[in-house]
Protein backbone atom coordinates (compact mmCIF):
# COMPACT_ATOMS: atom_id res chain seq x y z
CA UNK A 1 0.04 0.02 -0.03
CA UNK A 2 2.80 2.41 0.89
CA UNK A 3 4.69 1.62 -2.42
CA UNK A 4 1.44 2.51 -4.43
CA UNK A 5 0.96 5.63 -2.35
CA UNK A 6 4.47 6.68 -2.97
CA UNK A 7 4.22 6.05 -6.67
CA UNK A 8 1.06 8.12 -6.89
CA UNK A 9 2.74 11.02 -4.83
CA UNK A 10 5.77 10.87 -7.12
CA UNK A 11 3.54 11.12 -10.22
CA UNK A 12 1.60 14.07 -8.81
CA UNK A 13 4.92 15.90 -7.93
CA UNK A 14 6.02 15.17 -11.54
CA UNK A 15 2.81 16.48 -13.13
CA UNK A 16 2.65 19.66 -10.92
CA UNK A 17 6.33 20.57 -11.37
CA UNK A 18 6.47 24.12 -12.47
CA UNK A 19 8.59 25.56 -15.21
CA UNK A 20 9.83 27.98 -12.60
CA UNK A 21 12.21 25.35 -11.46
CA UNK A 22 14.30 26.28 -14.63
CA UNK A 23 14.37 29.87 -13.67
CA UNK A 24 17.61 31.66 -12.98
CA UNK A 25 16.69 33.16 -9.53
CA UNK A 26 18.89 36.08 -8.38
CA UNK A 27 18.88 36.61 -4.58
CA UNK A 28 17.69 40.14 -3.65
CA UNK A 29 17.38 40.04 0.13
CA UNK A 30 15.53 38.79 3.19
CA UNK A 31 12.72 40.56 5.25
CA UNK A 32 12.24 40.66 8.97
CA UNK A 33 10.13 37.34 8.84
CA UNK A 34 13.04 35.50 7.35
CA UNK A 35 11.44 35.24 3.98
CA UNK A 36 13.97 35.34 1.13
CA UNK A 37 13.27 37.26 -2.04
CA UNK A 38 14.53 36.42 -5.53
CA UNK A 39 13.95 37.63 -9.08
CA UNK A 40 13.91 35.58 -12.22
CA UNK A 41 16.22 37.61 -14.62
CA UNK A 42 15.27 35.33 -17.57
CA UNK A 43 11.64 36.15 -17.28
CA UNK A 44 11.77 39.92 -17.41
CA UNK A 45 9.56 41.17 -20.21
CA UNK A 46 9.11 44.73 -21.49
CA UNK A 47 5.58 45.98 -22.34
CA UNK A 48 5.76 49.42 -23.67
CA UNK A 49 7.31 51.51 -20.84
CA UNK A 50 6.71 48.93 -18.15
CA UNK A 51 8.02 45.48 -17.03
CA UNK A 52 6.57 42.16 -16.16
CA UNK A 53 8.67 40.19 -13.54
CA UNK A 54 8.47 37.13 -11.48
CA UNK A 55 9.34 37.58 -7.84
CA UNK A 56 9.96 34.41 -5.66
CA UNK A 57 9.30 34.53 -1.86
CA UNK A 58 10.90 31.66 -0.21
CA UNK A 59 9.70 30.97 3.32
CA UNK A 60 11.32 29.23 6.32
CA UNK A 61 8.08 27.63 7.32
CA UNK A 62 4.76 26.84 5.28
CA UNK A 63 2.23 29.72 5.50
CA UNK A 64 -1.42 29.28 6.33
CA UNK A 65 -2.04 27.92 2.90
CA UNK A 66 0.57 25.29 3.35
CA UNK A 67 2.95 26.61 0.77
CA UNK A 68 6.67 26.93 1.34
CA UNK A 69 7.19 29.42 -1.60
CA UNK A 70 5.10 31.92 -3.61
CA UNK A 71 5.90 33.40 -6.95
CA UNK A 72 4.31 36.80 -7.52
CA UNK A 73 3.89 37.92 -11.07
CA UNK A 74 4.14 41.83 -11.12
CA UNK A 75 4.15 44.66 -13.45
CA UNK A 76 6.52 47.50 -12.60
CA UNK A 77 6.49 51.17 -13.61
CA UNK A 78 10.03 51.99 -12.99
CA UNK A 79 9.69 55.68 -13.93
CA UNK A 80 6.91 56.33 -11.40
CA UNK A 81 8.06 53.87 -8.79
CA UNK A 82 4.79 51.91 -8.98
CA UNK A 83 3.76 48.26 -9.11
CA UNK A 84 0.82 46.05 -9.34
CA UNK A 85 0.29 42.30 -8.86
CA UNK A 86 -1.10 40.24 -11.66
CA UNK A 87 -1.19 36.71 -10.19
CA UNK A 88 0.23 34.45 -7.39
CA UNK A 89 1.57 30.88 -7.73
CA UNK A 90 1.70 28.93 -4.50
CA UNK A 91 4.35 25.92 -4.26
CA UNK A 92 4.58 23.03 -1.73
CA UNK A 93 8.38 23.02 -2.40
CA UNK A 94 10.95 25.68 -1.83
CA UNK A 95 12.39 27.75 -4.75
CA UNK A 96 9.28 27.46 -6.82
CA UNK A 97 8.89 23.84 -7.24
CA UNK A 98 5.81 21.49 -6.96
CA UNK A 99 3.12 24.02 -8.02
CA UNK A 100 -0.11 23.80 -5.97
CA UNK A 101 -2.27 26.41 -7.59
CA UNK A 102 -2.13 29.77 -9.51
CA UNK A 103 -4.61 32.47 -8.88
CA UNK A 104 -5.08 35.94 -10.55
CA UNK A 105 -4.85 39.08 -8.36
CA UNK A 106 -8.20 40.56 -7.39
CA UNK A 107 -6.70 43.98 -7.08
CA UNK A 108 -5.08 45.27 -10.34
CA UNK A 109 -4.61 48.92 -9.13
CA UNK A 110 -1.07 50.52 -9.18
CA UNK A 111 0.60 50.98 -5.84
CA UNK A 112 3.59 53.01 -4.63
CA UNK A 113 6.82 51.08 -3.69
CA UNK A 114 7.26 52.39 -0.22
CA UNK A 115 10.75 53.12 0.98
CA UNK A 116 12.90 50.47 2.69
CA UNK A 117 10.28 47.79 1.87
CA UNK A 118 11.24 44.51 0.17
CA UNK A 119 9.02 45.32 -2.81
CA UNK A 120 10.96 48.48 -3.21
CA UNK A 121 14.35 46.50 -3.07
CA UNK A 122 13.05 44.04 -5.72
CA UNK A 123 11.90 46.94 -7.92
CA UNK A 124 15.19 48.74 -7.54
CA UNK A 125 17.09 45.65 -8.53
CA UNK A 126 14.95 45.15 -11.66
CA UNK A 127 14.75 48.79 -12.63
CA UNK A 128 18.54 49.13 -12.54
CA UNK A 129 19.06 46.09 -14.54
CA UNK A 130 20.38 46.12 -18.05
CA UNK A 131 16.90 44.82 -19.52
CA UNK A 132 15.35 48.10 -18.17
CA UNK A 133 17.85 50.12 -20.24
CA UNK A 134 16.95 48.20 -23.27
CA UNK A 135 13.37 49.17 -23.13
CA UNK A 136 13.92 52.87 -22.09
CA UNK A 137 16.29 53.98 -24.88
CA UNK A 138 13.64 56.60 -25.77
CA UNK A 139 14.30 58.32 -22.44
CA UNK A 140 17.21 60.47 -23.42
CA UNK A 141 19.46 62.05 -20.69
CA UNK A 142 19.36 65.85 -20.32
CA UNK A 143 21.70 67.75 -22.56
CA UNK A 144 24.74 69.32 -21.13
CA UNK A 145 24.17 73.10 -20.83
CA UNK A 146 27.74 73.64 -20.16
CA UNK A 147 28.80 72.74 -23.79
CA UNK A 148 27.84 74.35 -27.15
CA UNK A 149 24.38 73.04 -28.41
CA UNK A 150 25.99 72.23 -31.82
CA UNK A 151 27.69 69.30 -29.80
CA UNK A 152 24.44 68.03 -28.14
CA UNK A 153 24.04 64.28 -29.04
CA UNK A 154 21.31 61.81 -28.01
CA UNK A 155 20.07 63.91 -25.29
CA UNK A 156 16.92 66.03 -24.35
CA UNK A 157 17.26 69.78 -24.17
CA UNK A 158 16.01 73.23 -24.58
CA UNK A 159 17.43 75.71 -27.07
CA UNK A 160 16.45 79.32 -28.16
CA UNK A 161 18.00 80.72 -31.32
CA UNK A 162 18.94 84.24 -31.97
CA UNK A 163 15.52 84.81 -33.57
CA UNK A 164 13.79 83.95 -30.31
CA UNK A 165 12.42 80.66 -31.48
CA UNK A 166 12.33 77.97 -28.93
CA UNK A 167 12.92 74.21 -29.44
CA UNK A 168 12.25 71.73 -26.57
CA UNK A 169 13.11 67.97 -27.38
CA UNK A 170 15.51 65.44 -28.51
CA UNK A 171 18.81 66.30 -30.13
CA UNK A 172 21.28 64.23 -32.24
CA UNK A 173 24.68 65.48 -33.59
CA UNK A 174 23.58 69.08 -32.67
CA UNK A 175 20.20 68.93 -34.61
CA UNK A 176 16.64 68.46 -33.73
CA UNK A 177 16.19 64.78 -34.04
CA UNK A 178 13.44 62.61 -32.37
CA UNK A 179 10.44 64.19 -30.57
CA UNK A 180 10.24 67.84 -29.92
CA UNK A 181 8.23 71.11 -29.82
CA UNK A 182 9.35 74.18 -31.81
CA UNK A 183 7.65 77.55 -31.04
CA UNK A 184 8.30 80.47 -33.23
CA UNK A 185 9.08 83.75 -31.52
CA UNK A 186 6.04 86.18 -30.97
CA UNK A 187 8.15 89.04 -32.55
CA UNK A 188 8.99 87.29 -35.89
CA UNK A 189 7.04 86.71 -39.04
CA UNK A 190 5.92 83.28 -37.93
CA UNK A 191 4.37 84.50 -34.57
CA UNK A 192 2.07 82.09 -33.08
CA UNK A 193 3.19 79.01 -35.06
CA UNK A 194 4.00 75.83 -33.09
CA UNK A 195 4.96 72.39 -34.28
CA UNK A 196 4.88 69.29 -32.06
CA UNK A 197 6.00 66.00 -33.34
CA UNK A 198 8.82 64.07 -34.89
CA UNK A 199 12.09 65.45 -36.37
CA UNK A 200 14.89 64.08 -38.47
CA UNK A 201 18.07 65.99 -38.49
CA UNK A 202 16.65 69.46 -38.10
CA UNK A 203 13.50 68.86 -40.24
CA UNK A 204 9.89 68.09 -39.52
CA UNK A 205 9.71 64.35 -40.61
CA UNK A 206 7.17 61.78 -39.42
CA UNK A 207 3.96 62.34 -37.58
CA UNK A 208 3.30 65.92 -36.24
CA UNK A 209 0.92 68.57 -35.43
CA UNK A 210 1.54 72.08 -36.81
CA UNK A 211 -0.63 75.24 -35.72
CA UNK A 212 -0.15 78.58 -37.55
CA UNK A 213 -0.71 81.87 -35.90
CA UNK A 214 -3.88 82.45 -37.83
CA UNK A 215 -5.53 79.34 -36.37
CA UNK A 216 -4.82 77.07 -39.35
CA UNK A 217 -3.91 73.47 -38.16
CA UNK A 218 -2.42 70.29 -39.82
CA UNK A 219 -2.23 66.89 -38.09
CA UNK A 220 -0.55 64.19 -39.99
CA UNK A 221 2.55 63.04 -41.83
CA UNK A 222 5.57 65.26 -42.68
CA UNK A 223 8.68 64.72 -44.86
CA UNK A 224 11.60 66.98 -45.40
CA UNK A 225 9.86 69.87 -43.55
CA UNK A 226 6.70 69.57 -45.66
CA UNK A 227 3.29 67.98 -45.37
CA UNK A 228 3.58 64.74 -46.97
CA UNK A 229 1.43 61.72 -46.49
CA UNK A 230 -1.97 61.09 -44.77
CA UNK A 231 -3.15 64.20 -42.96
CA UNK A 232 -5.92 66.70 -42.05
CA UNK A 233 -5.69 70.39 -42.53
CA UNK A 234 -8.20 72.62 -40.77
CA UNK A 235 -8.28 76.34 -42.05
CA UNK A 236 -9.38 79.23 -40.10
CA UNK A 237 -12.54 79.77 -42.30
CA UNK A 238 -13.83 76.36 -41.35
CA UNK A 239 -12.69 74.39 -44.47
CA UNK A 240 -11.16 71.08 -43.75
CA UNK A 241 -9.03 68.86 -46.15
CA UNK A 242 -8.66 65.23 -45.22
CA UNK A 243 -6.44 63.04 -47.35
CA UNK A 244 -3.13 62.63 -49.00
CA UNK A 245 -0.56 65.34 -49.21
CA UNK A 246 2.59 65.47 -51.45
CA UNK A 247 5.33 68.12 -51.07
CA UNK A 248 3.05 70.45 -49.14
CA UNK A 249 0.14 70.17 -51.50
CA UNK A 250 -3.31 68.53 -50.99
CA UNK A 251 -3.75 65.60 -53.61
CA UNK A 252 -6.74 63.55 -52.80
CA UNK A 253 -9.23 62.22 -50.14
CA UNK A 254 -8.80 58.92 -48.51
CA UNK A 255 -11.23 56.67 -46.60
CA UNK A 256 -10.83 55.91 -42.92
CA UNK A 257 -8.20 58.66 -42.62
CA UNK A 258 -9.32 59.53 -38.93
CA UNK A 259 -7.72 56.09 -37.76
CA UNK A 260 -4.50 56.67 -39.71
CA UNK A 261 -3.65 60.24 -38.90
CA UNK A 262 -2.50 59.59 -35.24
CA UNK A 263 -0.76 56.18 -34.55
CA UNK A 264 -1.87 54.40 -31.34
CA UNK A 265 1.53 54.67 -29.70
CA UNK A 266 2.13 58.37 -30.65
CA UNK A 267 2.94 60.38 -27.63
CA UNK A 268 0.65 63.49 -27.48
CA UNK A 269 0.15 66.48 -25.12
CA UNK A 270 -3.49 65.46 -24.18
CA UNK A 271 -4.38 67.58 -21.14
CA UNK A 272 -2.97 70.06 -18.65
CA UNK A 273 -3.03 71.20 -15.04
CA UNK A 274 -1.45 73.34 -12.40
CA UNK A 275 1.13 72.60 -9.65
CA UNK A 276 2.90 74.64 -7.07
CA UNK A 277 6.43 74.32 -5.41
CA UNK A 278 6.69 73.32 -1.76
CA UNK A 279 10.51 72.47 -1.62
CA UNK A 280 13.64 73.93 -3.14
CA UNK A 281 14.37 70.39 -4.36
CA UNK A 282 11.77 70.64 -6.94
CA UNK A 283 8.74 69.03 -5.17
CA UNK A 284 5.25 70.19 -6.46
CA UNK A 285 1.80 69.57 -5.23
CA UNK A 286 -0.98 68.97 -7.81
CA UNK A 287 -4.20 67.03 -8.15
CA UNK A 288 -4.16 63.20 -8.69
CA UNK A 289 -6.53 63.57 -11.48
CA UNK A 290 -4.17 65.86 -13.38
CA UNK A 291 -1.47 63.22 -13.47
CA UNK A 292 -3.80 60.16 -13.70
CA UNK A 293 -3.11 58.04 -16.91
CA UNK A 294 -0.39 60.16 -18.11
CA UNK A 295 2.70 58.38 -19.46
CA UNK A 296 4.82 61.48 -19.11
CA UNK A 297 4.28 64.61 -16.83
CA UNK A 298 6.09 67.79 -17.75
CA UNK A 299 6.70 70.89 -15.74
CA UNK A 300 6.81 74.04 -17.61
CA UNK A 301 9.04 76.75 -16.07
CA UNK A 302 9.16 79.75 -18.29
CA UNK A 303 11.14 78.61 -21.42
CA UNK A 304 12.34 75.34 -19.88
CA UNK A 305 10.44 71.97 -19.85
CA UNK A 306 11.30 69.54 -17.11
CA UNK A 307 10.43 65.91 -16.92
CA UNK A 308 8.59 65.14 -13.70
CA UNK A 309 8.58 61.97 -11.59
CA UNK A 310 5.42 60.95 -9.59
CA UNK A 311 6.71 60.52 -5.93
CA UNK A 312 3.31 59.74 -4.17
CA UNK A 313 -0.45 60.15 -4.73
CA UNK A 314 -3.62 59.96 -2.72
CA UNK A 315 -6.51 59.07 -5.08
CA UNK A 316 -9.12 59.39 -2.25
CA UNK A 317 -8.21 63.05 -1.50
CA UNK A 318 -7.30 63.69 -5.15
CA UNK A 319 -3.68 64.70 -4.27
CA UNK A 320 -0.30 63.97 -5.95
CA UNK A 321 3.31 64.82 -5.19
CA UNK A 322 5.70 65.23 -8.09
CA UNK A 323 9.37 66.15 -8.45
CA UNK A 324 11.34 67.81 -11.28
CA UNK A 325 15.11 68.18 -11.37
CA UNK A 326 15.21 71.99 -10.82
CA UNK A 327 15.26 74.70 -8.17
CA UNK A 328 12.04 76.83 -8.09
CA UNK A 329 12.42 80.50 -7.63
CA UNK A 330 9.83 80.62 -5.04
CA UNK A 331 8.50 77.97 -2.60
CA UNK A 332 5.07 78.44 -0.96
CA UNK A 333 4.48 77.84 2.68
CA UNK A 334 1.47 75.91 4.13
CA UNK A 335 -0.79 77.88 6.48
CA UNK A 336 -1.01 76.90 10.11
CA UNK A 337 -4.10 79.22 10.68
CA UNK A 338 -7.57 77.78 10.80
CA UNK A 339 -9.68 78.40 7.68
CA UNK A 340 -12.74 80.66 8.39
CA UNK A 341 -16.08 81.47 6.67
CA UNK A 342 -15.91 84.62 4.52
CA UNK A 343 -12.04 84.58 4.63
CA UNK A 344 -10.74 86.34 1.41
CA UNK A 345 -8.64 83.78 -0.79
CA UNK A 346 -6.84 83.82 -4.04
CA UNK A 347 -6.76 80.96 -6.59
CA UNK A 348 -3.86 80.56 -9.08
CA UNK A 349 -3.56 78.41 -12.07
CA UNK A 350 -3.77 78.02 -15.86
CA UNK A 351 -7.44 77.73 -16.80
CA UNK A 352 -8.01 76.19 -20.27
CA UNK A 353 -4.13 75.45 -20.48
CA UNK A 354 -2.39 77.74 -22.84
CA UNK A 355 -5.31 78.17 -25.24
CA UNK A 356 -6.12 81.74 -23.77
CA UNK A 357 -2.52 82.73 -23.04
CA UNK A 358 0.71 81.34 -21.36
CA UNK A 359 0.36 83.74 -18.40
CA UNK A 360 -0.79 82.49 -14.83
CA UNK A 361 -4.27 83.62 -14.03
CA UNK A 362 -5.46 84.54 -10.41
CA UNK A 363 -9.05 84.87 -9.27
CA UNK A 364 -10.24 86.21 -5.91
CA UNK A 365 -13.06 84.97 -3.73
CA UNK A 366 -14.13 83.94 -0.17
CA UNK A 367 -14.41 80.71 1.72
CA UNK A 368 -18.19 80.00 1.52
CA UNK A 369 -18.31 76.62 3.37
CA UNK A 370 -16.00 74.65 5.56
CA UNK A 371 -17.00 71.36 3.91
CA UNK A 372 -17.28 69.84 0.52
CA UNK A 373 -20.00 67.84 -1.15
CA UNK A 374 -21.60 65.35 1.22
CA UNK A 375 -20.03 66.90 4.27
CA UNK A 376 -16.51 66.02 3.03
CA UNK A 377 -14.45 67.57 5.85
CA UNK A 378 -11.10 67.31 3.81
CA UNK A 379 -12.58 69.87 1.33
CA UNK A 380 -13.93 73.38 1.69
CA UNK A 381 -16.09 75.42 -0.71
CA UNK A 382 -15.15 78.77 -2.41
CA UNK A 383 -16.78 81.11 -4.79
CA UNK A 384 -13.56 82.03 -6.79
CA UNK A 385 -13.77 80.89 -10.34
CA UNK A 386 -12.15 77.52 -11.24
CA UNK A 387 -11.95 76.15 -14.77
CA UNK A 388 -10.33 73.03 -16.42
CA UNK A 389 -6.67 73.70 -16.23
CA UNK A 390 -6.93 75.24 -12.69
CA UNK A 391 -6.69 71.79 -11.16
CA UNK A 392 -3.81 71.43 -8.72
CA UNK A 393 -3.26 75.20 -8.30
CA UNK A 394 -2.77 76.82 -4.90
CA UNK A 395 -5.45 78.52 -2.83
CA UNK A 396 -3.81 81.34 -0.76
CA UNK A 397 -4.69 83.58 2.02
CA UNK A 398 -3.73 87.27 2.26
CA UNK A 399 -0.49 86.17 4.10
CA UNK A 400 0.72 84.20 1.05
CA UNK A 401 0.16 80.96 2.64
CA UNK A 402 -1.48 78.03 1.02
CA UNK A 403 -4.78 76.99 2.69
CA UNK A 404 -5.70 74.46 0.04
CA UNK A 405 -5.59 73.08 -3.46
CA UNK A 406 -8.04 73.83 -6.23
CA UNK A 407 -9.76 70.50 -7.10
CA UNK A 408 -13.18 70.93 -8.80
CA UNK A 409 -16.35 72.79 -9.59
CA UNK A 410 -19.78 71.48 -8.98
CA UNK A 411 -20.75 69.40 -12.12
CA UNK A 412 -23.47 71.28 -14.16
CA UNK A 413 -25.23 67.92 -15.09
CA UNK A 414 -25.21 66.77 -11.47
CA UNK A 415 -26.56 70.01 -10.09
CA UNK A 416 -29.24 70.21 -12.74
CA UNK A 417 -30.32 66.64 -12.33
CA UNK A 418 -30.26 66.74 -8.54
CA UNK A 419 -31.16 70.37 -7.64
CA UNK A 420 -32.97 71.62 -10.72
CA UNK A 421 -30.70 74.61 -11.19
CA UNK A 422 -27.37 75.50 -12.83
CA UNK A 423 -24.73 76.36 -10.10
CA UNK A 424 -22.84 79.52 -9.99
CA UNK A 425 -19.56 80.04 -8.11
CA UNK A 426 -19.62 76.65 -6.51
CA UNK A 427 -16.02 75.31 -6.30
CA UNK A 428 -13.98 73.34 -3.98
CA UNK A 429 -10.46 72.97 -2.65
CA UNK A 430 -8.60 70.43 -0.56
CA UNK A 431 -7.58 71.67 2.87
CA UNK A 432 -4.01 72.32 3.81
CA UNK A 433 -4.05 69.65 6.43
CA UNK A 434 -4.25 66.91 3.81
CA UNK A 435 -1.36 68.55 1.93
CA UNK A 436 0.76 68.28 5.24
CA UNK A 437 -0.07 64.62 5.59
CA UNK A 438 1.29 63.70 2.15
CA UNK A 439 4.42 65.87 2.66
CA UNK A 440 5.18 64.41 6.16
CA UNK A 441 4.76 60.91 4.84
CA UNK A 442 7.65 61.62 2.43
CA UNK A 443 9.68 63.51 5.14
CA UNK A 444 9.70 66.77 3.18
CA UNK A 445 10.27 69.67 5.40
CA UNK A 446 7.63 72.38 5.23
CA UNK A 447 8.89 75.91 5.28
CA UNK A 448 7.66 78.38 7.97
CA UNK A 449 4.46 80.21 7.16
CA UNK A 450 4.13 83.89 7.15
CA UNK A 451 2.45 85.53 10.11
CA UNK A 452 1.59 88.83 8.61
CA UNK A 453 -0.38 89.99 5.44
CA UNK A 454 1.75 90.91 2.37
CA UNK A 455 1.02 93.43 -0.32
CA UNK A 456 -0.86 92.46 -3.49
CA UNK A 457 2.23 93.13 -5.57
CA UNK A 458 4.37 90.74 -3.46
CA UNK A 459 1.65 88.12 -3.55
CA UNK A 460 1.53 88.30 -7.26
CA UNK A 461 5.21 87.77 -7.58
CA UNK A 462 5.18 85.01 -5.08
CA UNK A 463 2.38 83.07 -6.95
CA UNK A 464 4.00 83.70 -10.34
CA UNK A 465 7.42 82.26 -9.19
CA UNK A 466 6.02 79.25 -7.55
CA UNK A 467 3.18 78.08 -9.79
CA UNK A 468 3.76 76.00 -12.90
CA UNK A 469 1.83 74.78 -15.98
CA UNK A 470 1.79 70.91 -16.11
CA UNK A 471 1.40 69.02 -19.36
CA UNK A 472 0.08 65.39 -19.48
CA UNK A 473 1.42 63.27 -22.42
CA UNK A 474 -0.24 60.07 -23.58
CA UNK A 475 -0.35 57.92 -26.55
CA UNK A 476 -3.53 58.02 -28.69
CA UNK A 477 -4.76 54.61 -27.40
CA UNK A 478 -4.45 55.97 -23.76
CA UNK A 479 -6.28 59.14 -24.76
CA UNK A 480 -9.24 57.23 -25.90
CA UNK A 481 -9.16 55.16 -22.80
CA UNK A 482 -9.05 58.15 -20.55
CA UNK A 483 -11.73 60.38 -22.25
CA UNK A 484 -14.44 59.29 -19.86
CA UNK A 485 -12.22 59.99 -16.80
CA UNK A 486 -10.29 63.02 -17.77
CA UNK A 487 -10.75 66.45 -19.52
CA UNK A 488 -8.83 65.91 -22.71
CA UNK A 489 -8.17 68.57 -25.25
CA UNK A 490 -10.98 68.79 -27.72
CA UNK A 491 -8.71 68.04 -30.78
CA UNK A 492 -8.64 64.44 -29.51
């Protein structure tokens, strides 16, 4: 009987043996419970800008499910320090042998890799691995501003020529090459003209969007600095030409052009918001919904564009902490005073992005309620105007201290459906106490608040030097996915 039992057991072990036993497990570390962590280098797979990995957790004793080891299949976002779990594999044996069962993860949401955690150690190991470099070749290093731009090669930089034209993007052998935005000087003959798209050794080449100063716009293919290929040209008189272009001339119509104009993987500036500096190290506070879904977030500091990293976020309170590699001219302080009804406040931001102008806008109002919708005590209500693009901007008192973050206005459809009226001046902010919580969680020192009112001129300068336009970049596939969750530019 024992012989038969042992034969059956051996057969079961053979049948359940996992392919993971052939994995090349690299030891990463051990946590406080004695569980050893490994990564299978041979299984790392790039998917667009992210990675799929297999993480082995080898225990000293069987856990409550009876398994001695667990393999966690994870997806990593190295740039944002995020991860999510895709599935678990439970094993009777150590080092991922003798598979018991495999289950999909019920929670597919992205999570922050907290400092000093074993998850963070695993992510750091993988993200510094050579395989990460192979999938992130498109992420060029910053150009060296201490050398002549004609020598910039395989880097990302900002260059203003003698005419005042500004280029922000990729360089190769001293020329615009890769992806970039060229803005003509407002003083020249091409004032108001902007091109965003692909470049080939100094010339527009590939997919791009060109907007002329008179409102004319072309979206489509370029070759040798001219419209060439499939594209759509919209004129300021309402005329639209969709079809094939050759050598800057419209040739003919083509069917189903809408799908071919913008490739699914093309990175596009899809939406915008506002952020404000809270540390000299380049930390900015904004709304979570401003950076949600963005594959790249960029901070616009006058004529310079800075890539931002997402440090942490709080979806429930709609806050996010980002960081750019720059030193802000001004850092805002967080108010220690109690917020009061009828208190004068100032809201700063970039409503409607840059479509009205590139200058910061400030509106004045009062605190009209100390709670938000549904008695949300982390919010307060204001009557100062807020528009799309204001999101993430600071709400300040007359001392120049931040008392909140602009977050939303009461939805017209919701108010009409539930209250039978169209709301006026019903907007909301996130209280400063919530901002402090996210800063304290990252050990970011909060500068001392002002204890006396400041002049309007001083307040205006302070706001201008500390508040920044944020652009959100996505590919076209992501834009279509996010349209129901985010205010995307109308052209998409």
